[in-house]
Amino acid sequence: MNVEKKALNILSSLRNLSTKHSKKELEKATQILLEISTNPTVSVLKGVLDRSKKRKQKTDKNSDQTNNEEYGFLRGAKYFGGNKK
């Protein structure tokens, strides 16, 4: 495969990633990619994006659980037999 075709394939892959992820996510992922890899590739970038997405989902799920736990079970006086009029 010649160099031009390879470059077009890489650019096409990056364009597809840009439709699926926000600009901010791509910037952060490329920064991480450049920090961890001496030979950055599109497949490694995809892996970084997938891992960060899973981490975000995990933290969102944990924050939802903590918000629900703050309230507990609420029962009024009527439930416990109080306020009988």
PDB file of N, CA and C in Angstrom:
ATOM      1  N   MET A   1       0.869  -1.182   0.000  1.00  0.00           N
ATOM      2  CA  MET A   1       0.000   0.000   0.000  1.00  0.00           C
ATOM      3  C   MET A   1       0.906   1.233   0.000  1.00  0.00           C
ATOM      4  N   ASN A   2       0.579   2.173  -0.845  1.00  0.00           N
ATOM      5  CA  ASN A   2       1.434   3.357  -0.899  1.00  0.00           C
ATOM      6  C   ASN A   2       1.079   4.356   0.209  1.00  0.00           C
ATOM      7  N   VAL A   3       1.945   5.313   0.366  1.00  0.00           N
ATOM      8  CA  VAL A   3       1.847   6.262   1.478  1.00  0.00           C
ATOM      9  C   VAL A   3       0.570   7.101   1.402  1.00  0.00           C
ATOM     10  N   GLU A   4       0.184   7.500   0.198  1.00  0.00           N
ATOM     11  CA  GLU A   4      -1.007   8.343   0.054  1.00  0.00           C
ATOM     12  C   GLU A   4      -2.272   7.602   0.485  1.00  0.00           C
ATOM     13  N   LYS A   5      -2.396   6.346   0.099  1.00  0.00           N
ATOM     14  CA  LYS A   5      -3.573   5.566   0.496  1.00  0.00           C
ATOM     15  C   LYS A   5      -3.607   5.366   2.001  1.00  0.00           C
ATOM     16  N   LYS A   6      -2.456   5.117   2.573  1.00  0.00           N
ATOM     17  CA  LYS A   6      -2.377   4.937   4.019  1.00  0.00           C
ATOM     18  C   LYS A   6      -2.820   6.211   4.744  1.00  0.00           C
ATOM     19  N   ALA A   7      -2.349   7.343   4.267  1.00  0.00           N
ATOM     20  CA  ALA A   7      -2.717   8.624   4.874  1.00  0.00           C
ATOM     21  C   ALA A   7      -4.214   8.884   4.744  1.00  0.00           C
ATOM     22  N   LEU A   8      -4.788   8.551   3.580  1.00  0.00           N
ATOM     23  CA  LEU A   8      -6.229   8.739   3.387  1.00  0.00           C
ATOM     24  C   LEU A   8      -7.033   7.841   4.321  1.00  0.00           C
ATOM     25  N   ASN A   9      -6.569   6.620   4.527  1.00  0.00           N
ATOM     26  CA  ASN A   9      -7.264   5.726   5.459  1.00  0.00           C
ATOM     27  C   ASN A   9      -7.213   6.260   6.886  1.00  0.00           C
ATOM     28  N   ILE A  10      -6.072   6.780   7.279  1.00  0.00           N
ATOM     29  CA  ILE A  10      -5.933   7.350   8.627  1.00  0.00           C
ATOM     30  C   ILE A  10      -6.849   8.560   8.791  1.00  0.00           C
ATOM     31  N   LEU A  11      -6.847   9.436   7.797  1.00  0.00           N
ATOM     32  CA  LEU A  11      -7.711  10.622   7.873  1.00  0.00           C
ATOM     33  C   LEU A  11      -9.184  10.246   7.890  1.00  0.00           C
ATOM     34  N   SER A  12      -9.551   9.244   7.140  1.00  0.00           N
ATOM     35  CA  SER A  12     -10.933   8.779   7.140  1.00  0.00           C
ATOM     36  C   SER A  12     -11.321   8.238   8.507  1.00  0.00           C
ATOM     37  N   SER A  13     -10.431   7.478   9.114  1.00  0.00           N
ATOM     38  CA  SER A  13     -10.696   6.947  10.455  1.00  0.00           C
ATOM     39  C   SER A  13     -10.845   8.066  11.480  1.00  0.00           C
ATOM     40  N   LEU A  14      -9.983   9.070  11.376  1.00  0.00           N
ATOM     41  CA  LEU A  14     -10.065  10.205  12.299  1.00  0.00           C
ATOM     42  C   LEU A  14     -11.361  10.994  12.102  1.00  0.00           C
ATOM     43  N   ARG A  15     -11.794  11.134  10.874  1.00  0.00           N
ATOM     44  CA  ARG A  15     -13.051  11.836  10.599  1.00  0.00           C
ATOM     45  C   ARG A  15     -14.229  11.075  11.204  1.00  0.00           C
ATOM     46  N   ASN A  16     -14.203   9.746  11.078  1.00  0.00           N
ATOM     47  CA  ASN A  16     -15.269   8.939  11.679  1.00  0.00           C
ATOM     48  C   ASN A  16     -15.276   9.074  13.199  1.00  0.00           C
ATOM     49  N   LEU A  17     -14.099   9.117  13.792  1.00  0.00           N
ATOM     50  CA  LEU A  17     -14.022   9.309  15.238  1.00  0.00           C
ATOM     51  C   LEU A  17     -14.569  10.673  15.646  1.00  0.00           C
ATOM     52  N   SER A  18     -14.340  11.670  14.800  1.00  0.00           N
ATOM     53  CA  SER A  18     -14.807  13.019  15.138  1.00  0.00           C
ATOM     54  C   SER A  18     -16.327  13.120  15.091  1.00  0.00           C
ATOM     55  N   THR A  19     -16.983  12.239  14.347  1.00  0.00           N
ATOM     56  CA  THR A  19     -18.444  12.257  14.331  1.00  0.00           C
ATOM     57  C   THR A  19     -19.021  11.569  15.563  1.00  0.00           C
ATOM     58  N   LYS A  20     -18.253  10.656  16.158  1.00  0.00           N
ATOM     59  CA  LYS A  20     -18.736   9.896  17.311  1.00  0.00           C
ATOM     60  C   LYS A  20     -18.367  10.531  18.645  1.00  0.00           C
ATOM     61  N   HIS A  21     -17.330  11.354  18.660  1.00  0.00           N
ATOM     62  CA  HIS A  21     -16.829  11.920  19.913  1.00  0.00           C
ATOM     63  C   HIS A  21     -16.740  13.443  19.790  1.00  0.00           C
ATOM     64  N   SER A  22     -16.837  14.094  20.938  1.00  0.00           N
ATOM     65  CA  SER A  22     -16.740  15.552  20.947  1.00  0.00           C
ATOM     66  C   SER A  22     -15.290  15.997  20.744  1.00  0.00           C
ATOM     67  N   LYS A  23     -15.145  17.258  20.407  1.00  0.00           N
ATOM     68  CA  LYS A  23     -13.810  17.821  20.198  1.00  0.00           C
ATOM     69  C   LYS A  23     -12.971  17.740  21.468  1.00  0.00           C
ATOM     70  N   LYS A  24     -13.617  18.000  22.589  1.00  0.00           N
ATOM     71  CA  LYS A  24     -12.927  17.968  23.877  1.00  0.00           C
ATOM     72  C   LYS A  24     -12.427  16.551  24.199  1.00  0.00           C
ATOM     73  N   GLU A  25     -13.270  15.544  23.929  1.00  0.00           N
ATOM     74  CA  GLU A  25     -12.869  14.158  24.176  1.00  0.00           C
ATOM     75  C   GLU A  25     -11.689  13.767  23.292  1.00  0.00           C
ATOM     76  N   LEU A  26     -11.738  14.182  22.027  1.00  0.00           N
ATOM     77  CA  LEU A  26     -10.644  13.859  21.110  1.00  0.00           C
ATOM     78  C   LEU A  26      -9.340  14.530  21.525  1.00  0.00           C
ATOM     79  N   GLU A  27      -9.422  15.774  21.950  1.00  0.00           N
ATOM     80  CA  GLU A  27      -8.224  16.484  22.392  1.00  0.00           C
ATOM     81  C   GLU A  27      -7.590  15.799  23.603  1.00  0.00           C
ATOM     82  N   LYS A  28      -8.424  15.435  24.564  1.00  0.00           N
ATOM     83  CA  LYS A  28      -7.918  14.784  25.758  1.00  0.00           C
ATOM     84  C   LYS A  28      -7.314  13.420  25.417  1.00  0.00           C
ATOM     85  N   ALA A  29      -7.987  12.665  24.544  1.00  0.00           N
ATOM     86  CA  ALA A  29      -7.499  11.341  24.164  1.00  0.00           C
ATOM     87  C   ALA A  29      -6.185  11.436  23.394  1.00  0.00           C
ATOM     88  N   THR A  30      -6.061  12.416  22.505  1.00  0.00           N
ATOM     89  CA  THR A  30      -4.801  12.548  21.764  1.00  0.00           C
ATOM     90  C   THR A  30      -3.672  12.981  22.690  1.00  0.00           C
ATOM     91  N   GLN A  31      -3.975  13.796  23.683  1.00  0.00           N
ATOM     92  CA  GLN A  31      -2.951  14.197  24.656  1.00  0.00           C
ATOM     93  C   GLN A  31      -2.463  12.972  25.436  1.00  0.00           C
ATOM     94  N   ILE A  32      -3.403  12.143  25.876  1.00  0.00           N
ATOM     95  CA  ILE A  32      -3.038  10.917  26.585  1.00  0.00           C
ATOM     96  C   ILE A  32      -2.250   9.989  25.671  1.00  0.00           C
ATOM     97  N   LEU A  33      -2.687   9.881  24.419  1.00  0.00           N
ATOM     98  CA  LEU A  33      -2.011   9.023  23.446  1.00  0.00           C
ATOM     99  C   LEU A  33      -0.558   9.436  23.260  1.00  0.00           C
ATOM    100  N   LEU A  34      -0.319  10.721  23.136  1.00  0.00           N
ATOM    101  CA  LEU A  34       1.047  11.198  22.940  1.00  0.00           C
ATOM    102  C   LEU A  34       1.912  11.004  24.182  1.00  0.00           C
ATOM    103  N   GLU A  35       1.281  10.997  25.361  1.00  0.00           N
ATOM    104  CA  GLU A  35       2.026  10.778  26.595  1.00  0.00           C
ATOM    105  C   GLU A  35       2.420   9.315  26.782  1.00  0.00           C
ATOM    106  N   ILE A  36       1.551   8.400  26.346  1.00  0.00           N
ATOM    107  CA  ILE A  36       1.793   6.985  26.639  1.00  0.00           C
ATOM    108  C   ILE A  36       2.451   6.218  25.499  1.00  0.00           C
ATOM    109  N   SER A  37       2.411   6.754  24.293  1.00  0.00           N
ATOM    110  CA  SER A  37       2.886   5.977  23.150  1.00  0.00           C
ATOM    111  C   SER A  37       4.011   6.686  22.406  1.00  0.00           C
ATOM    112  N   THR A  38       5.020   5.902  22.051  1.00  0.00           N
ATOM    113  CA  THR A  38       6.096   6.450  21.224  1.00  0.00           C
ATOM    114  C   THR A  38       5.756   6.346  19.746  1.00  0.00           C
ATOM    115  N   ASN A  39       4.811   5.450  19.413  1.00  0.00           N
ATOM    116  CA  ASN A  39       4.369   5.271  18.036  1.00  0.00           C
ATOM    117  C   ASN A  39       2.838   5.315  18.003  1.00  0.00           C
ATOM    118  N   PRO A  40       2.247   6.521  18.043  1.00  0.00           N
ATOM    119  CA  PRO A  40       0.788   6.623  18.114  1.00  0.00           C
ATOM    120  C   PRO A  40       0.110   6.126  16.836  1.00  0.00           C
ATOM    121  N   THR A  41      -0.967   5.368  17.024  1.00  0.00           N
ATOM    122  CA  THR A  41      -1.760   4.882  15.898  1.00  0.00           C
ATOM    123  C   THR A  41      -3.228   5.158  16.168  1.00  0.00           C
ATOM    124  N   VAL A  42      -4.024   5.033  15.120  1.00  0.00           N
ATOM    125  CA  VAL A  42      -5.458   5.271  15.251  1.00  0.00           C
ATOM    126  C   VAL A  42      -6.093   4.213  16.148  1.00  0.00           C
ATOM    127  N   SER A  43      -5.625   2.985  16.055  1.00  0.00           N
ATOM    128  CA  SER A  43      -6.204   1.923  16.885  1.00  0.00           C
ATOM    129  C   SER A  43      -5.945   2.171  18.376  1.00  0.00           C
ATOM    130  N   VAL A  44      -4.783   2.690  18.710  1.00  0.00           N
ATOM    131  CA  VAL A  44      -4.500   3.020  20.112  1.00  0.00           C
ATOM    132  C   VAL A  44      -5.376   4.195  20.552  1.00  0.00           C
ATOM    133  N   LEU A  45      -5.577   5.157  19.669  1.00  0.00           N
ATOM    134  CA  LEU A  45      -6.461   6.289  19.970  1.00  0.00           C
ATOM    135  C   LEU A  45      -7.875   5.801  20.248  1.00  0.00           C
ATOM    136  N   LYS A  46      -8.359   4.858  19.446  1.00  0.00           N
ATOM    137  CA  LYS A  46      -9.687   4.288  19.671  1.00  0.00           C
ATOM    138  C   LYS A  46      -9.761   3.626  21.038  1.00  0.00           C
ATOM    139  N   GLY A  47      -8.701   2.914  21.405  1.00  0.00           N
ATOM    140  CA  GLY A  47      -8.662   2.270  22.716  1.00  0.00           C
ATOM    141  C   GLY A  47      -8.716   3.268  23.859  1.00  0.00           C
ATOM    142  N   VAL A  48      -7.989   4.357  23.713  1.00  0.00           N
ATOM    143  CA  VAL A  48      -7.996   5.410  24.740  1.00  0.00           C
ATOM    144  C   VAL A  48      -9.398   6.013  24.864  1.00  0.00           C
ATOM    145  N   LEU A  49     -10.031   6.267  23.726  1.00  0.00           N
ATOM    146  CA  LEU A  49     -11.386   6.833  23.741  1.00  0.00           C
ATOM    147  C   LEU A  49     -12.380   5.865  24.385  1.00  0.00           C
ATOM    148  N   ASP A  50     -12.278   4.591  24.067  1.00  0.00           N
ATOM    149  CA  ASP A  50     -13.181   3.597  24.649  1.00  0.00           C
ATOM    150  C   ASP A  50     -13.006   3.494  26.153  1.00  0.00           C
ATOM    151  N   ARG A  51     -11.747   3.478  26.608  1.00  0.00           N
ATOM    152  CA  ARG A  51     -11.495   3.380  28.048  1.00  0.00           C
ATOM    153  C   ARG A  51     -12.011   4.607  28.795  1.00  0.00           C
ATOM    154  N   SER A  52     -11.808   5.779  28.204  1.00  0.00           N
ATOM    155  CA  SER A  52     -12.276   6.988  28.882  1.00  0.00           C
ATOM    156  C   SER A  52     -13.802   7.032  28.918  1.00  0.00           C
ATOM    157  N   LYS A  53     -14.440   6.513  27.880  1.00  0.00           N
ATOM    158  CA  LYS A  53     -15.908   6.462  27.847  1.00  0.00           C
ATOM    159  C   LYS A  53     -16.427   5.517  28.934  1.00  0.00           C
ATOM    160  N   LYS A  54     -15.772   4.354  29.088  1.00  0.00           N
ATOM    161  CA  LYS A  54     -16.184   3.405  30.119  1.00  0.00           C
ATOM    162  C   LYS A  54     -15.984   3.983  31.511  1.00  0.00           C
ATOM    163  N   ARG A  55     -14.870   4.697  31.707  1.00  0.00           N
ATOM    164  CA  ARG A  55     -14.624   5.329  33.015  1.00  0.00           C
ATOM    165  C   ARG A  55     -15.686   6.377  33.323  1.00  0.00           C
ATOM    166  N   LYS A  56     -16.053   7.142  32.304  1.00  0.00           N
ATOM    167  CA  LYS A  56     -17.066   8.181  32.500  1.00  0.00           C
ATOM    168  C   LYS A  56     -18.408   7.558  32.857  1.00  0.00           C
ATOM    169  N   GLN A  57     -18.777   6.479  32.173  1.00  0.00           N
ATOM    170  CA  GLN A  57     -20.028   5.796  32.477  1.00  0.00           C
ATOM    171  C   GLN A  57     -20.012   5.233  33.888  1.00  0.00           C
ATOM    172  N   LYS A  58     -18.869   4.707  34.300  1.00  0.00           N
ATOM    173  CA  LYS A  58     -18.744   4.136  35.636  1.00  0.00           C
ATOM    174  C   LYS A  58     -18.889   5.223  36.703  1.00  0.00           C
ATOM    175  N   THR A  59     -18.253   6.368  36.498  1.00  0.00           N
ATOM    176  CA  THR A  59     -18.354   7.446  37.484  1.00  0.00           C
ATOM    177  C   THR A  59     -19.761   8.040  37.497  1.00  0.00           C
ATOM    178  N   ASP A  60     -20.406   8.123  36.323  1.00  0.00           N
ATOM    179  CA  ASP A  60     -21.783   8.612  36.283  1.00  0.00           C
ATOM    180  C   ASP A  60     -22.712   7.672  37.043  1.00  0.00           C
ATOM    181  N   LYS A  61     -22.505   6.384  36.878  1.00  0.00           N
ATOM    182  CA  LYS A  61     -23.326   5.395  37.566  1.00  0.00           C
ATOM    183  C   LYS A  61     -23.110   5.486  39.071  1.00  0.00           C
ATOM    184  N   ASN A  62     -21.853   5.652  39.502  1.00  0.00           N
ATOM    185  CA  ASN A  62     -21.553   5.763  40.926  1.00  0.00           C
ATOM    186  C   ASN A  62     -22.146   7.029  41.523  1.00  0.00           C
ATOM    187  N   SER A  63     -22.124   8.134  40.774  1.00  0.00           N
ATOM    188  CA  SER A  63     -22.685   9.378  41.307  1.00  0.00           C
ATOM    189  C   SER A  63     -24.195   9.284  41.413  1.00  0.00           C
ATOM    190  N   ASP A  64     -24.837   8.569  40.489  1.00  0.00           N
ATOM    191  CA  ASP A  64     -26.285   8.367  40.586  1.00  0.00           C
ATOM    192  C   ASP A  64     -26.634   7.554  41.823  1.00  0.00           C
ATOM    193  N   GLN A  65     -25.829   6.539  42.132  1.00  0.00           N
ATOM    194  CA  GLN A  65     -26.089   5.704  43.300  1.00  0.00           C
ATOM    195  C   GLN A  65     -25.917   6.494  44.584  1.00  0.00           C
ATOM    196  N   THR A  66     -24.912   7.356  44.651  1.00  0.00           N
ATOM    197  CA  THR A  66     -24.705   8.123  45.878  1.00  0.00           C
ATOM    198  C   THR A  66     -25.826   9.133  46.071  1.00  0.00           C
ATOM    199  N   ASN A  67     -26.343   9.693  44.992  1.00  0.00           N
ATOM    200  CA  ASN A  67     -27.446  10.643  45.109  1.00  0.00           C
ATOM    201  C   ASN A  67     -28.697   9.950  45.630  1.00  0.00           C
ATOM    202  N   ASN A  68     -28.941   8.732  45.200  1.00  0.00           N
ATOM    203  CA  ASN A  68     -30.114   8.004  45.658  1.00  0.00           C
ATOM    204  C   ASN A  68     -29.978   7.580  47.109  1.00  0.00           C
ATOM    205  N   GLU A  69     -28.777   7.285  47.558  1.00  0.00           N
ATOM    206  CA  GLU A  69     -28.566   6.825  48.917  1.00  0.00           C
ATOM    207  C   GLU A  69     -28.706   7.946  49.944  1.00  0.00           C
ATOM    208  N   GLU A  70     -28.584   9.181  49.535  1.00  0.00           N
ATOM    209  CA  GLU A  70     -28.665  10.296  50.468  1.00  0.00           C
ATOM    210  C   GLU A  70     -30.057  10.443  51.061  1.00  0.00           C
ATOM    211  N   TYR A  71     -31.081  10.020  50.348  1.00  0.00           N
ATOM    212  CA  TYR A  71     -32.439  10.257  50.788  1.00  0.00           C
ATOM    213  C   TYR A  71     -32.988   9.119  51.647  1.00  0.00           C
ATOM    214  N   GLY A  72     -32.602   7.897  51.397  1.00  0.00           N
ATOM    215  CA  GLY A  72     -33.081   6.774  52.177  1.00  0.00           C
ATOM    216  C   GLY A  72     -34.577   6.574  51.999  1.00  0.00           C
ATOM    217  N   PHE A  73     -35.183   5.879  52.947  1.00  0.00           N
ATOM    218  CA  PHE A  73     -36.625   5.653  52.907  1.00  0.00           C
ATOM    219  C   PHE A  73     -37.299   6.706  53.759  1.00  0.00           C
ATOM    220  N   LEU A  74     -38.277   7.357  53.223  1.00  0.00           N
ATOM    221  CA  LEU A  74     -39.000   8.391  53.957  1.00  0.00           C
ATOM    222  C   LEU A  74     -40.422   7.905  54.222  1.00  0.00           C
ATOM    223  N   ARG A  75     -40.788   7.878  55.484  1.00  0.00           N
ATOM    224  CA  ARG A  75     -42.139   7.483  55.868  1.00  0.00           C
ATOM    225  C   ARG A  75     -42.712   8.606  56.734  1.00  0.00           C
ATOM    226  N   GLY A  76     -43.939   8.891  56.535  1.00  0.00           N
ATOM    227  CA  GLY A  76     -44.588   9.929  57.307  1.00  0.00           C
ATOM    228  C   GLY A  76     -45.212   9.388  58.578  1.00  0.00           C
ATOM    229  N   ALA A  77     -45.774  10.276  59.372  1.00  0.00           N
ATOM    230  CA  ALA A  77     -46.416   9.896  60.627  1.00  0.00           C
ATOM    231  C   ALA A  77     -47.625   9.013  60.372  1.00  0.00           C
ATOM    232  N   LYS A  78     -48.309   9.207  59.280  1.00  0.00           N
ATOM    233  CA  LYS A  78     -49.475   8.421  58.949  1.00  0.00           C
ATOM    234  C   LYS A  78     -49.100   6.955  58.767  1.00  0.00           C
ATOM    235  N   TYR A  79     -47.963   6.683  58.187  1.00  0.00           N
ATOM    236  CA  TYR A  79     -47.493   5.318  57.955  1.00  0.00           C
ATOM    237  C   TYR A  79     -47.265   4.601  59.288  1.00  0.00           C
ATOM    238  N   PHE A  80     -46.723   5.305  60.276  1.00  0.00           N
ATOM    239  CA  PHE A  80     -46.398   4.691  61.556  1.00  0.00           C
ATOM    240  C   PHE A  80     -47.543   4.789  62.581  1.00  0.00           C
ATOM    241  N   GLY A  81     -48.659   5.266  62.142  1.00  0.00           N
ATOM    242  CA  GLY A  81     -49.821   5.295  63.037  1.00  0.00           C
ATOM    243  C   GLY A  81     -49.959   6.575  63.814  1.00  0.00           C
ATOM    244  N   GLY A  82     -49.166   7.567  63.502  1.00  0.00           N
ATOM    245  CA  GLY A  82     -49.274   8.845  64.208  1.00  0.00           C
ATOM    246  C   GLY A  82     -50.264   9.759  63.521  1.00  0.00           C
ATOM    247  N   ASN A  83     -50.552  10.897  64.121  1.00  0.00           N
ATOM    248  CA  ASN A  83     -51.466  11.896  63.582  1.00  0.00           C
ATOM    249  C   ASN A  83     -52.856  11.335  63.299  1.00  0.00           C
ATOM    250  N   LYS A  84     -53.380  10.549  64.241  1.00  0.00           N
ATOM    251  CA  LYS A  84     -54.729  10.007  64.042  1.00  0.00           C
ATOM    252  C   LYS A  84     -55.727  11.057  64.497  1.00  0.00           C
ATOM    253  N   LYS A  85     -56.553  11.498  63.570  1.00  0.00           N
ATOM    254  CA  LYS A  85     -57.536  12.523  63.916  1.00  0.00           C
ATOM    255  C   LYS A  85     -58.910  12.043  63.597  1.00  0.00           C
TER     256      LYS A  85
END
